[in-house]
Amino acid sequence: MTNMDKDDDRDRLSKLKAEERARTRRADALRNLAETRSDSLDNKVQTVRTIHHADNSLFVSAIARMMAKDK
C-alpha cells in the first residue's frame, strides 16, 4: 500500500467515524426529548411532532412512552 492509499483510508475512516458520532448524538438528543416529562399537552404534542419529523422509526415508540408515563 502506498502512502497515498493509507492517507485515503485514514480520511475515509475519519469521515465514517464523524458521521457515526453525528448519528449517535442525534439519536441521543431525540431519545432525551422523548423521555422528558412534560405536564403540558401542547408540549407533548410538539415533542411527538418533532420526533416524527426527525425520525419516523421513533414515532410509535415516543407515543408509547408518553402514554405509559401518564398512567
N, C-alpha and C. Protein backbone atom coordinates (compact mmCIF):
# COMPACT_ATOMS: atom_id res chain seq x y z
N MET A 1 0.84 -1.18 0.00
CA MET A 1 0.00 0.00 0.00
C MET A 1 0.88 1.25 0.00
N THR A 2 0.54 2.18 -0.80
CA THR A 2 1.32 3.41 -0.85
C THR A 2 0.84 4.37 0.21
N ASN A 3 1.64 5.40 0.43
CA ASN A 3 1.26 6.42 1.41
C ASN A 3 -0.05 7.11 1.04
N MET A 4 -0.26 7.28 -0.26
CA MET A 4 -1.48 7.91 -0.74
C MET A 4 -2.70 7.07 -0.38
N ASP A 5 -2.59 5.76 -0.57
CA ASP A 5 -3.68 4.84 -0.23
C ASP A 5 -3.95 4.86 1.27
N LYS A 6 -2.90 4.87 2.06
CA LYS A 6 -3.06 4.91 3.52
C LYS A 6 -3.74 6.20 3.95
N ASP A 7 -3.34 7.31 3.34
CA ASP A 7 -3.96 8.60 3.66
C ASP A 7 -5.44 8.60 3.28
N ASP A 8 -5.76 8.03 2.12
CA ASP A 8 -7.15 7.95 1.69
C ASP A 8 -7.97 7.09 2.65
N ASP A 9 -7.38 5.97 3.07
CA ASP A 9 -8.07 5.09 4.01
C ASP A 9 -8.31 5.80 5.35
N ARG A 10 -7.31 6.52 5.83
CA ARG A 10 -7.45 7.26 7.09
C ARG A 10 -8.52 8.35 6.96
N ASP A 11 -8.54 9.02 5.82
CA ASP A 11 -9.54 10.06 5.60
C ASP A 11 -10.95 9.47 5.58
N ARG A 12 -11.11 8.35 4.90
CA ARG A 12 -12.42 7.70 4.84
C ARG A 12 -12.85 7.21 6.22
N LEU A 13 -11.91 6.65 6.97
CA LEU A 13 -12.21 6.18 8.32
C LEU A 13 -12.60 7.35 9.22
N SER A 14 -11.89 8.44 9.12
CA SER A 14 -12.21 9.63 9.92
C SER A 14 -13.60 10.15 9.58
N LYS A 15 -13.92 10.17 8.30
CA LYS A 15 -15.23 10.63 7.86
C LYS A 15 -16.33 9.72 8.38
N LEU A 16 -16.13 8.40 8.29
CA LEU A 16 -17.13 7.45 8.79
C LEU A 16 -17.32 7.59 10.29
N LYS A 17 -16.24 7.77 11.03
CA LYS A 17 -16.34 7.95 12.47
C LYS A 17 -17.10 9.23 12.81
N ALA A 18 -16.83 10.30 12.09
CA ALA A 18 -17.52 11.57 12.33
C ALA A 18 -19.01 11.44 12.04
N GLU A 19 -19.36 10.74 10.96
CA GLU A 19 -20.76 10.53 10.62
C GLU A 19 -21.46 9.69 11.69
N GLU A 20 -20.78 8.67 12.19
CA GLU A 20 -21.37 7.82 13.24
C GLU A 20 -21.56 8.61 14.53
N ARG A 21 -20.60 9.45 14.88
CA ARG A 21 -20.76 10.30 16.08
C ARG A 21 -21.94 11.24 15.92
N ALA A 22 -22.11 11.80 14.74
CA ALA A 22 -23.24 12.70 14.49
C ALA A 22 -24.57 11.95 14.60
N ARG A 23 -24.64 10.74 14.05
CA ARG A 23 -25.87 9.93 14.16
C ARG A 23 -26.16 9.59 15.62
N THR A 24 -25.13 9.26 16.36
CA THR A 24 -25.30 8.91 17.78
C THR A 24 -25.79 10.11 18.57
N ARG A 25 -25.20 11.28 18.34
CA ARG A 25 -25.65 12.50 19.04
C ARG A 25 -27.10 12.81 18.70
N ARG A 26 -27.47 12.67 17.45
CA ARG A 26 -28.84 12.95 17.03
C ARG A 26 -29.82 11.97 17.68
N ALA A 27 -29.46 10.70 17.68
CA ALA A 27 -30.32 9.69 18.30
C ALA A 27 -30.44 9.92 19.80
N ASP A 28 -29.35 10.28 20.45
CA ASP A 28 -29.40 10.57 21.89
C ASP A 28 -30.28 11.78 22.19
N ALA A 29 -30.17 12.81 21.35
CA ALA A 29 -31.00 14.00 21.56
C ALA A 29 -32.48 13.68 21.40
N LEU A 30 -32.83 12.90 20.39
CA LEU A 30 -34.22 12.51 20.19
C LEU A 30 -34.72 11.62 21.33
N ARG A 31 -33.87 10.73 21.79
CA ARG A 31 -34.25 9.85 22.90
C ARG A 31 -34.48 10.68 24.17
N ASN A 32 -33.60 11.63 24.44
CA ASN A 32 -33.78 12.50 25.60
C ASN A 32 -35.06 13.32 25.49
N LEU A 33 -35.36 13.79 24.31
CA LEU A 33 -36.59 14.55 24.09
C LEU A 33 -37.81 13.68 24.37
N ALA A 34 -37.77 12.43 23.92
CA ALA A 34 -38.89 11.51 24.13
C ALA A 34 -39.06 11.16 25.60
N GLU A 35 -37.97 11.13 26.34
CA GLU A 35 -38.03 10.72 27.74
C GLU A 35 -38.29 11.88 28.69
N THR A 36 -38.29 13.10 28.19
CA THR A 36 -38.53 14.26 29.03
C THR A 36 -39.99 14.32 29.45
N ARG A 37 -40.21 14.47 30.73
CA ARG A 37 -41.57 14.53 31.27
C ARG A 37 -42.12 15.95 31.10
N SER A 38 -43.32 16.04 30.59
CA SER A 38 -43.98 17.32 30.42
C SER A 38 -45.43 17.18 30.86
N ASP A 39 -45.91 18.16 31.62
CA ASP A 39 -47.30 18.12 32.06
C ASP A 39 -48.24 18.76 31.04
N SER A 40 -47.70 19.55 30.15
CA SER A 40 -48.50 20.25 29.16
C SER A 40 -48.78 19.36 27.94
N LEU A 41 -50.03 19.28 27.57
CA LEU A 41 -50.41 18.52 26.39
C LEU A 41 -49.78 19.12 25.13
N ASP A 42 -49.73 20.44 25.06
CA ASP A 42 -49.10 21.09 23.91
C ASP A 42 -47.63 20.71 23.76
N ASN A 43 -46.92 20.64 24.87
CA ASN A 43 -45.51 20.23 24.83
C ASN A 43 -45.37 18.79 24.38
N LYS A 44 -46.27 17.94 24.84
CA LYS A 44 -46.23 16.53 24.44
C LYS A 44 -46.49 16.38 22.94
N VAL A 45 -47.46 17.11 22.44
CA VAL A 45 -47.78 17.05 21.02
C VAL A 45 -46.59 17.57 20.20
N GLN A 46 -45.98 18.65 20.63
CA GLN A 46 -44.84 19.20 19.91
C GLN A 46 -43.66 18.22 19.93
N THR A 47 -43.47 17.53 21.04
CA THR A 47 -42.41 16.53 21.13
C THR A 47 -42.65 15.42 20.12
N VAL A 48 -43.87 14.93 20.06
CA VAL A 48 -44.20 13.86 19.12
C VAL A 48 -44.02 14.34 17.68
N ARG A 49 -44.44 15.53 17.39
CA ARG A 49 -44.27 16.07 16.03
C ARG A 49 -42.80 16.18 15.65
N THR A 50 -42.00 16.65 16.59
CA THR A 50 -40.57 16.80 16.33
C THR A 50 -39.92 15.46 16.06
N ILE A 51 -40.23 14.48 16.90
CA ILE A 51 -39.64 13.15 16.72
C ILE A 51 -40.14 12.51 15.42
N HIS A 52 -41.42 12.67 15.12
CA HIS A 52 -41.96 12.12 13.89
C HIS A 52 -41.28 12.72 12.67
N HIS A 53 -41.08 14.03 12.71
CA HIS A 53 -40.42 14.70 11.59
C HIS A 53 -38.96 14.27 11.46
N ALA A 54 -38.28 14.11 12.59
CA ALA A 54 -36.85 13.81 12.57
C ALA A 54 -36.56 12.33 12.31
N ASP A 55 -37.42 11.45 12.85
CA ASP A 55 -37.13 10.02 12.72
C ASP A 55 -38.43 9.23 12.86
N ASN A 56 -38.96 8.78 11.74
CA ASN A 56 -40.23 8.05 11.75
C ASN A 56 -40.19 6.79 12.59
N SER A 57 -39.05 6.14 12.67
CA SER A 57 -38.98 4.89 13.42
C SER A 57 -39.16 5.09 14.91
N LEU A 58 -38.90 6.30 15.40
CA LEU A 58 -39.09 6.58 16.83
C LEU A 58 -40.50 7.05 17.15
N PHE A 59 -41.29 7.32 16.14
CA PHE A 59 -42.61 7.91 16.34
C PHE A 59 -43.51 7.05 17.24
N VAL A 60 -43.66 5.80 16.91
CA VAL A 60 -44.53 4.91 17.69
C VAL A 60 -43.96 4.71 19.09
N SER A 61 -42.67 4.59 19.17
CA SER A 61 -42.03 4.40 20.46
C SER A 61 -42.23 5.62 21.37
N ALA A 62 -42.14 6.80 20.81
CA ALA A 62 -42.32 8.03 21.60
C ALA A 62 -43.75 8.12 22.14
N ILE A 63 -44.72 7.78 21.32
CA ILE A 63 -46.11 7.82 21.78
C ILE A 63 -46.32 6.80 22.89
N ALA A 64 -45.81 5.61 22.73
CA ALA A 64 -45.97 4.57 23.75
C ALA A 64 -45.35 4.99 25.07
N ARG A 65 -44.18 5.60 25.02
CA ARG A 65 -43.51 6.06 26.26
C ARG A 65 -44.33 7.13 26.95
N MET A 66 -44.81 8.09 26.17
CA MET A 66 -45.58 9.18 26.79
C MET A 66 -46.88 8.67 27.37
N MET A 67 -47.53 7.76 26.69
CA MET A 67 -48.79 7.21 27.20
C MET A 67 -48.54 6.42 28.48
N ALA A 68 -47.45 5.71 28.55
CA ALA A 68 -47.12 4.92 29.75
C ALA A 68 -46.81 5.83 30.93
N LYS A 69 -46.21 6.98 30.68
CA LYS A 69 -45.88 7.91 31.77
C LYS A 69 -47.13 8.55 32.36
N ASP A 70 -48.19 8.65 31.59
CA ASP A 70 -49.42 9.29 32.06
C ASP A 70 -50.27 8.37 32.92
N LYS A 71 -49.98 7.10 32.92
CA LYS A 71 -50.79 6.15 33.70
C LYS A 71 -50.47 6.21 35.16
